[in-house]
């Protein structure tokens, strides 16, 4: 299996699981839980593809949808939504960090394939990584988490900029992409450990 597909699967599991937990805790029915889980996992990617005139990936590949369905079923069987500290678990944090980083890099790659400028590449990187969470929170009538808390969306912006910079001034290949992925994961884990936050206006 290609390692990027493996990482994509990890990210999809993490994001769909976060959607499941939030929806289950809000006491949504099974349809609501599935909608929120799908939005968390694929919302950003679908919007990104529509903006770049691409057929959304989940419309011609079935395994991402299967992953979300299996994740929700397993999470329900294990009653994971009853474990209030699940999102503090190091396994969840690592998988979420991988998902954030790989989706940010994927978004930047799509932007560069579409010959977008720096702003477009960074925007698609951000959108792909956190767009699903924003859509999820809006549907659930919540202020999007990425706009108020944690050093989260900033990592996607940094990765998008680094992808553009690497392509135009260095060499963008499997090695440099892997290094950027590791940098993104490392930054996210440091942000969790040391509770990094952007400054707020007083």
C-alpha atoms as a PDB file:
ATOM      1  CA  UNK A   1       0.000   0.000   0.000  1.00  0.00           C
ATOM      2  CA  UNK A   2       1.293   3.472  -0.885  1.00  0.00           C
ATOM      3  CA  UNK A   3       2.345   5.258   2.291  1.00  0.00           C
ATOM      4  CA  UNK A   4       0.362   8.395   1.411  1.00  0.00           C
ATOM      5  CA  UNK A   5      -2.807   6.307   1.215  1.00  0.00           C
ATOM      6  CA  UNK A   6      -1.952   4.806   4.598  1.00  0.00           C
ATOM      7  CA  UNK A   7      -1.520   8.276   6.116  1.00  0.00           C
ATOM      8  CA  UNK A   8      -4.727   9.449   4.441  1.00  0.00           C
ATOM      9  CA  UNK A   9      -6.571   6.547   6.059  1.00  0.00           C
ATOM     10  CA  UNK A  10      -5.207   7.495   9.494  1.00  0.00           C
ATOM     11  CA  UNK A  11      -6.285  11.090   9.026  1.00  0.00           C
ATOM     12  CA  UNK A  12      -9.729  10.080   7.796  1.00  0.00           C
ATOM     13  CA  UNK A  13     -10.217   7.818  10.821  1.00  0.00           C
ATOM     14  CA  UNK A  14      -9.132  10.587  13.206  1.00  0.00           C
ATOM     15  CA  UNK A  15     -11.360  13.269  11.689  1.00  0.00           C
ATOM     16  CA  UNK A  16     -14.413  11.035  11.335  1.00  0.00           C
ATOM     17  CA  UNK A  17     -13.924   9.881  14.919  1.00  0.00           C
ATOM     18  CA  UNK A  18     -13.839  13.456  16.179  1.00  0.00           C
ATOM     19  CA  UNK A  19     -17.083  14.126  14.296  1.00  0.00           C
ATOM     20  CA  UNK A  20     -18.651  11.000  15.772  1.00  0.00           C
ATOM     21  CA  UNK A  21     -17.726  11.977  19.324  1.00  0.00           C
ATOM     22  CA  UNK A  22     -19.135  15.502  19.001  1.00  0.00           C
ATOM     23  CA  UNK A  23     -22.358  14.334  17.337  1.00  0.00           C
ATOM     24  CA  UNK A  24     -22.920  11.460  19.778  1.00  0.00           C
ATOM     25  CA  UNK A  25     -22.348  13.738  22.776  1.00  0.00           C
ATOM     26  CA  UNK A  26     -24.859  16.195  21.275  1.00  0.00           C
ATOM     27  CA  UNK A  27     -27.325  13.262  21.154  1.00  0.00           C
ATOM     28  CA  UNK A  28     -27.805  13.301  17.372  1.00  0.00           C
ATOM     29  CA  UNK A  29     -29.577  10.368  15.753  1.00  0.00           C
ATOM     30  CA  UNK A  30     -27.667   7.918  13.549  1.00  0.00           C
ATOM     31  CA  UNK A  31     -28.204   9.984  10.392  1.00  0.00           C
ATOM     32  CA  UNK A  32     -26.959  13.110  12.130  1.00  0.00           C
ATOM     33  CA  UNK A  33     -23.911  11.256  13.427  1.00  0.00           C
ATOM     34  CA  UNK A  34     -23.067   9.976   9.954  1.00  0.00           C
ATOM     35  CA  UNK A  35     -23.500  13.427   8.379  1.00  0.00           C
ATOM     36  CA  UNK A  36     -21.257  15.080  10.977  1.00  0.00           C
ATOM     37  CA  UNK A  37     -18.642  12.320  10.651  1.00  0.00           C
ATOM     38  CA  UNK A  38     -18.578  12.637   6.853  1.00  0.00           C
ATOM     39  CA  UNK A  39     -18.405  16.434   7.030  1.00  0.00           C
ATOM     40  CA  UNK A  40     -15.481  16.249   9.456  1.00  0.00           C
ATOM     41  CA  UNK A  41     -13.554  13.840   7.259  1.00  0.00           C
ATOM     42  CA  UNK A  42     -14.347  15.090   3.753  1.00  0.00           C
ATOM     43  CA  UNK A  43     -15.917  18.556   3.897  1.00  0.00           C
ATOM     44  CA  UNK A  44     -12.720  20.466   3.222  1.00  0.00           C
ATOM     45  CA  UNK A  45     -11.570  18.121   0.459  1.00  0.00           C
ATOM     46  CA  UNK A  46     -14.889  18.268  -1.375  1.00  0.00           C
ATOM     47  CA  UNK A  47     -14.980  22.084  -1.340  1.00  0.00           C
ATOM     48  CA  UNK A  48     -11.332  22.173  -2.460  1.00  0.00           C
ATOM     49  CA  UNK A  49     -12.044  19.886  -5.410  1.00  0.00           C
ATOM     50  CA  UNK A  50     -15.093  21.883  -6.466  1.00  0.00           C
ATOM     51  CA  UNK A  51     -13.052  25.108  -6.385  1.00  0.00           C
ATOM     52  CA  UNK A  52     -10.414  23.557  -8.657  1.00  0.00           C
ATOM     53  CA  UNK A  53     -12.908  21.941 -11.086  1.00  0.00           C
ATOM     54  CA  UNK A  54     -12.100  18.405  -9.937  1.00  0.00           C
ATOM     55  CA  UNK A  55     -14.505  15.561  -9.277  1.00  0.00           C
ATOM     56  CA  UNK A  56     -14.376  15.096  -5.478  1.00  0.00           C
ATOM     57  CA  UNK A  57     -12.191  12.148  -4.549  1.00  0.00           C
ATOM     58  CA  UNK A  58     -14.930  10.418  -2.549  1.00  0.00           C
ATOM     59  CA  UNK A  59     -17.171  10.349  -5.640  1.00  0.00           C
ATOM     60  CA  UNK A  60     -14.900   7.985  -7.568  1.00  0.00           C
ATOM     61  CA  UNK A  61     -13.146   6.080  -4.752  1.00  0.00           C
ATOM     62  CA  UNK A  62     -15.166   3.999  -2.312  1.00  0.00           C
ATOM     63  CA  UNK A  63     -12.595   3.178   0.363  1.00  0.00           C
ATOM     64  CA  UNK A  64     -12.747   6.606   2.116  1.00  0.00           C
ATOM     65  CA  UNK A  65     -16.502   6.217   2.599  1.00  0.00           C
ATOM     66  CA  UNK A  66     -16.019   2.663   3.855  1.00  0.00           C
ATOM     67  CA  UNK A  67     -13.441   3.931   6.358  1.00  0.00           C
ATOM     68  CA  UNK A  68     -15.866   6.445   7.850  1.00  0.00           C
ATOM     69  CA  UNK A  69     -18.689   3.907   8.084  1.00  0.00           C
ATOM     70  CA  UNK A  70     -16.453   1.312   9.748  1.00  0.00           C
ATOM     71  CA  UNK A  71     -15.019   3.940  12.112  1.00  0.00           C
ATOM     72  CA  UNK A  72     -18.481   5.029  13.249  1.00  0.00           C
ATOM     73  CA  UNK A  73     -19.658   1.435  13.727  1.00  0.00           C
ATOM     74  CA  UNK A  74     -16.573   0.473  15.741  1.00  0.00           C
ATOM     75  CA  UNK A  75     -16.774   3.685  17.783  1.00  0.00           C
ATOM     76  CA  UNK A  76     -20.421   2.960  18.598  1.00  0.00           C
ATOM     77  CA  UNK A  77     -19.718  -0.646  19.568  1.00  0.00           C
ATOM     78  CA  UNK A  78     -16.908   0.484  21.872  1.00  0.00           C
ATOM     79  CA  UNK A  79     -19.019   3.422  23.157  1.00  0.00           C
ATOM     80  CA  UNK A  80     -16.086   5.744  22.610  1.00  0.00           C
ATOM     81  CA  UNK A  81     -18.257   8.826  23.032  1.00  0.00           C
ATOM     82  CA  UNK A  82     -18.616   7.947  26.701  1.00  0.00           C
ATOM     83  CA  UNK A  83     -14.866   8.359  27.231  1.00  0.00           C
ATOM     84  CA  UNK A  84     -14.684  12.097  27.827  1.00  0.00           C
ATOM     85  CA  UNK A  85     -10.884  12.115  27.816  1.00  0.00           C
ATOM     86  CA  UNK A  86     -10.531  10.360  24.464  1.00  0.00           C
ATOM     87  CA  UNK A  87      -9.262  13.458  22.691  1.00  0.00           C
ATOM     88  CA  UNK A  88      -6.469  13.725  25.290  1.00  0.00           C
ATOM     89  CA  UNK A  89      -5.244  10.261  24.331  1.00  0.00           C
ATOM     90  CA  UNK A  90      -1.786  10.291  22.709  1.00  0.00           C
ATOM     91  CA  UNK A  91      -2.882   7.837  19.995  1.00  0.00           C
ATOM     92  CA  UNK A  92      -5.745  10.131  18.974  1.00  0.00           C
ATOM     93  CA  UNK A  93      -3.505  13.213  19.072  1.00  0.00           C
ATOM     94  CA  UNK A  94      -0.865  11.590  16.875  1.00  0.00           C
ATOM     95  CA  UNK A  95      -3.413  10.365  14.327  1.00  0.00           C
ATOM     96  CA  UNK A  96      -5.116  13.771  14.303  1.00  0.00           C
ATOM     97  CA  UNK A  97      -1.736  15.457  13.799  1.00  0.00           C
ATOM     98  CA  UNK A  98      -0.999  13.141  10.876  1.00  0.00           C
ATOM     99  CA  UNK A  99      -4.424  13.866   9.396  1.00  0.00           C
ATOM    100  CA  UNK A 100      -3.989  17.624   9.713  1.00  0.00           C
ATOM    101  CA  UNK A 101      -0.527  17.542   8.129  1.00  0.00           C
ATOM    102  CA  UNK A 102      -1.271  15.130   5.283  1.00  0.00           C
ATOM    103  CA  UNK A 103      -4.477  16.956   4.332  1.00  0.00           C
ATOM    104  CA  UNK A 104      -2.664  20.302   4.407  1.00  0.00           C
ATOM    105  CA  UNK A 105       0.026  18.922   2.098  1.00  0.00           C
ATOM    106  CA  UNK A 106      -2.599  17.344  -0.161  1.00  0.00           C
ATOM    107  CA  UNK A 107      -4.437  20.661  -0.432  1.00  0.00           C
ATOM    108  CA  UNK A 108      -1.233  22.507  -1.295  1.00  0.00           C
ATOM    109  CA  UNK A 109      -0.389  19.893  -3.939  1.00  0.00           C
ATOM    110  CA  UNK A 110      -3.798  20.320  -5.577  1.00  0.00           C
ATOM    111  CA  UNK A 111      -3.320  24.087  -5.588  1.00  0.00           C
ATOM    112  CA  UNK A 112       0.065  23.811  -7.274  1.00  0.00           C
ATOM    113  CA  UNK A 113      -1.273  21.340  -9.834  1.00  0.00           C
ATOM    114  CA  UNK A 114      -3.931  23.937 -10.678  1.00  0.00           C
ATOM    115  CA  UNK A 115      -1.161  26.561 -11.102  1.00  0.00           C
ATOM    116  CA  UNK A 116      -2.516  28.765  -8.324  1.00  0.00           C
ATOM    117  CA  UNK A 117      -0.416  31.523  -6.819  1.00  0.00           C
ATOM    118  CA  UNK A 118       0.935  31.491  -3.259  1.00  0.00           C
ATOM    119  CA  UNK A 119      -2.323  32.742  -1.758  1.00  0.00           C
ATOM    120  CA  UNK A 120      -4.307  30.060  -3.584  1.00  0.00           C
ATOM    121  CA  UNK A 121      -1.951  27.264  -2.528  1.00  0.00           C
ATOM    122  CA  UNK A 122      -1.988  28.339   1.119  1.00  0.00           C
ATOM    123  CA  UNK A 123      -5.770  28.749   1.085  1.00  0.00           C
ATOM    124  CA  UNK A 124      -6.347  25.266  -0.338  1.00  0.00           C
ATOM    125  CA  UNK A 125      -3.909  23.833   2.198  1.00  0.00           C
ATOM    126  CA  UNK A 126      -5.858  25.461   5.016  1.00  0.00           C
ATOM    127  CA  UNK A 127      -9.246  24.563   3.539  1.00  0.00           C
ATOM    128  CA  UNK A 128      -8.402  20.908   3.019  1.00  0.00           C
ATOM    129  CA  UNK A 129      -7.001  20.503   6.529  1.00  0.00           C
ATOM    130  CA  UNK A 130      -9.602  22.360   8.576  1.00  0.00           C
ATOM    131  CA  UNK A 131     -12.536  22.968   6.223  1.00  0.00           C
ATOM    132  CA  UNK A 132     -14.346  19.840   7.322  1.00  0.00           C
ATOM    133  CA  UNK A 133     -14.134  20.883  10.963  1.00  0.00           C
ATOM    134  CA  UNK A 134     -15.407  24.374  10.155  1.00  0.00           C
ATOM    135  CA  UNK A 135     -18.394  22.990   8.213  1.00  0.00           C
ATOM    136  CA  UNK A 136     -19.086  20.529  11.035  1.00  0.00           C
ATOM    137  CA  UNK A 137     -19.064  23.244  13.693  1.00  0.00           C
ATOM    138  CA  UNK A 138     -21.293  25.553  11.637  1.00  0.00           C
ATOM    139  CA  UNK A 139     -23.830  22.747  11.112  1.00  0.00           C
ATOM    140  CA  UNK A 140     -23.755  22.100  14.863  1.00  0.00           C
ATOM    141  CA  UNK A 141     -24.292  25.842  15.533  1.00  0.00           C
ATOM    142  CA  UNK A 142     -20.893  26.238  17.200  1.00  0.00           C
ATOM    143  CA  UNK A 143     -18.133  28.784  16.719  1.00  0.00           C
ATOM    144  CA  UNK A 144     -15.544  26.924  14.579  1.00  0.00           C
ATOM    145  CA  UNK A 145     -12.853  25.549  16.870  1.00  0.00           C
ATOM    146  CA  UNK A 146     -10.053  26.548  14.519  1.00  0.00           C
ATOM    147  CA  UNK A 147     -10.986  30.239  14.807  1.00  0.00           C
ATOM    148  CA  UNK A 148     -10.806  30.473  18.586  1.00  0.00           C
ATOM    149  CA  UNK A 149      -8.594  27.777  20.025  1.00  0.00           C
ATOM    150  CA  UNK A 150      -5.253  26.088  19.712  1.00  0.00           C
ATOM    151  CA  UNK A 151      -2.353  26.351  17.273  1.00  0.00           C
ATOM    152  CA  UNK A 152      -4.185  24.293  14.656  1.00  0.00           C
ATOM    153  CA  UNK A 153      -5.058  26.048  11.416  1.00  0.00           C
ATOM    154  CA  UNK A 154      -1.775  27.929  11.612  1.00  0.00           C
ATOM    155  CA  UNK A 155       0.088  24.667  11.007  1.00  0.00           C
ATOM    156  CA  UNK A 156      -1.850  24.102   7.772  1.00  0.00           C
ATOM    157  CA  UNK A 157      -0.959  27.627   6.626  1.00  0.00           C
ATOM    158  CA  UNK A 158       2.724  27.082   7.428  1.00  0.00           C
ATOM    159  CA  UNK A 159       2.777  23.756   5.576  1.00  0.00           C
ATOM    160  CA  UNK A 160       1.049  25.262   2.538  1.00  0.00           C
ATOM    161  CA  UNK A 161       3.599  28.077   2.412  1.00  0.00           C
ATOM    162  CA  UNK A 162       6.502  25.627   2.824  1.00  0.00           C
ATOM    163  CA  UNK A 163       5.155  23.432   0.014  1.00  0.00           C
ATOM    164  CA  UNK A 164       4.986  26.431  -2.335  1.00  0.00           C
ATOM    165  CA  UNK A 165       8.427  27.639  -1.245  1.00  0.00           C
ATOM    166  CA  UNK A 166       9.990  24.210  -1.709  1.00  0.00           C
ATOM    167  CA  UNK A 167       8.552  23.789  -5.193  1.00  0.00           C
ATOM    168  CA  UNK A 168       9.703  27.198  -6.427  1.00  0.00           C
ATOM    169  CA  UNK A 169      13.119  27.471  -4.803  1.00  0.00           C
ATOM    170  CA  UNK A 170      14.198  23.930  -3.940  1.00  0.00           C
ATOM    171  CA  UNK A 171      13.174  20.426  -5.030  1.00  0.00           C
ATOM    172  CA  UNK A 172       9.729  19.044  -4.231  1.00  0.00           C
ATOM    173  CA  UNK A 173       9.907  15.260  -4.134  1.00  0.00           C
ATOM    174  CA  UNK A 174       8.934  12.355  -1.880  1.00  0.00           C
ATOM    175  CA  UNK A 175      11.776  13.100   0.534  1.00  0.00           C
ATOM    176  CA  UNK A 176      11.018  16.795   1.006  1.00  0.00           C
ATOM    177  CA  UNK A 177       7.277  16.115   1.257  1.00  0.00           C
ATOM    178  CA  UNK A 178       7.946  13.504   3.955  1.00  0.00           C
ATOM    179  CA  UNK A 179      10.139  15.977   5.835  1.00  0.00           C
ATOM    180  CA  UNK A 180       7.409  18.621   5.680  1.00  0.00           C
ATOM    181  CA  UNK A 181       4.891  16.062   6.897  1.00  0.00           C
ATOM    182  CA  UNK A 182       7.099  15.245   9.881  1.00  0.00           C
ATOM    183  CA  UNK A 183       7.585  18.951  10.614  1.00  0.00           C
ATOM    184  CA  UNK A 184       3.812  19.462  10.631  1.00  0.00           C
ATOM    185  CA  UNK A 185       3.225  16.509  12.938  1.00  0.00           C
ATOM    186  CA  UNK A 186       6.015  17.652  15.264  1.00  0.00           C
ATOM    187  CA  UNK A 187       4.658  21.219  15.426  1.00  0.00           C
ATOM    188  CA  UNK A 188       1.166  19.971  16.205  1.00  0.00           C
ATOM    189  CA  UNK A 189       2.360  17.681  18.992  1.00  0.00           C
ATOM    190  CA  UNK A 190       4.461  20.482  20.474  1.00  0.00           C
ATOM    191  CA  UNK A 191       1.423  22.780  20.313  1.00  0.00           C
ATOM    192  CA  UNK A 192      -0.603  20.201  22.252  1.00  0.00           C
ATOM    193  CA  UNK A 193       2.138  19.606  24.822  1.00  0.00           C
ATOM    194  CA  UNK A 194       2.934  23.250  25.477  1.00  0.00           C
ATOM    195  CA  UNK A 195      -0.584  24.590  24.778  1.00  0.00           C
ATOM    196  CA  UNK A 196       0.494  27.023  22.082  1.00  0.00           C
ATOM    197  CA  UNK A 197      -2.090  29.616  21.182  1.00  0.00           C
ATOM    198  CA  UNK A 198      -2.107  32.654  18.939  1.00  0.00           C
ATOM    199  CA  UNK A 199      -2.407  36.017  20.727  1.00  0.00           C
ATOM    200  CA  UNK A 200      -5.849  37.532  21.094  1.00  0.00           C
ATOM    201  CA  UNK A 201      -6.827  41.190  21.045  1.00  0.00           C
ATOM    202  CA  UNK A 202      -7.408  42.656  24.490  1.00  0.00           C
END
